[in-house]
Amino acid sequence: MKTIESGSVAASLEINRREFVRAAVGSGFASAVLPVTAQTIKTEAQGLVAGEVMIPVGEFKMPAYRAMPAGSVNPPVVLVISEIFGVHEHIADVARRLAKQGYMAIAPELFERQGDAGSYGEVGKLVAEVISKVPDEQVMGDLDACVAWAKGQGADISRLGITGFCWGGRITWLYAAHNAAVKAGIAWYGRLVGDRSALNPGHPIDLVGKLTAPVLGLYGGQDAGIPLETVDSMRAALSQGSAAAKRSQIHVYPDAPHAFHADYRPTYRKEAAEDGWARCLAWLKANGV
């Protein structure tokens, strides 16, 4: 709301910060990861329709970054799920990379109800005040709304994929067990195990019997937050899971740390990231996306 009184504009001007942030979805980097490294990849939007859209979820309007080839008809869909930092420029760039491959890529702001993930400078505070309050059930519903929106835009949701990074990697596993329309998932270093709670009633290892789409897991052998024992446990669980679980695969890059695909961070490992991206695209194609 704005109220202007003569001689004192600055004192009486109120700005809704969250509305401002929405207008900038995908256009900057999260405070917690600044400064951004010089190796950051920039994919141009030439030949694409790219930018913010608003996706209805009941009465709520969820901001998302959408990228797709200009003039495309019935493009396949890939949902792009962010890390805990929300939909910043790197996630938007991933969406543009997918759009260059012919996909409608949608990266939704899944933390919007709980807070502004991009504004936090401390990871611990971000997790405590925003991320830890996001229910899995809410996220599944929001992603369902993205798929419904894409269908309404003329996309071919019979060719539906999902990929996600870190927090979004975990969500990728969960959504492949939630929505039977998903044809393929690619989970980049997503947590596989954890304590159950009302907000997080199950983790990927708990849902292998419910997977309806095969998931490719890409993990780093030097990831301090995801011990290789949990990766091995997930492999064993997949071998005893659903038909889609048995078709799933996990690839580990022995020397890579967590977030090895994040080219805007010091954790980036070019060789592993490029190999993982090639595997991601091949996995989508091999599974009909």
Foldseek 3Di string as FASTA:
>chain_A
DADDDPPPRPVGGDDDVLVVVLQCFQPAAALQFPPFDPQDDADDLVQKDWDWDWFDLDPDTWIKIKIAGPPDAQFEEEEEEEALQFRYNSSSRVNSVVRVVGYTYIYIRQQSVQDNSRHDNDPVCSCVRTVVPRALVSVLSVVVRVLVVCVVVRYNLLLYEYEYAACRLFNQLVNQLVDLSHQEYEREAYAADDDADPRRNDTNLRRLQRGNYAYEYEEELAEPVHHVVSVVSQLVSLCVHHPNSVVHYYDYDNHAYGPCLVSRHPSHDVVSNVVSVVVVVVRSVVRRD
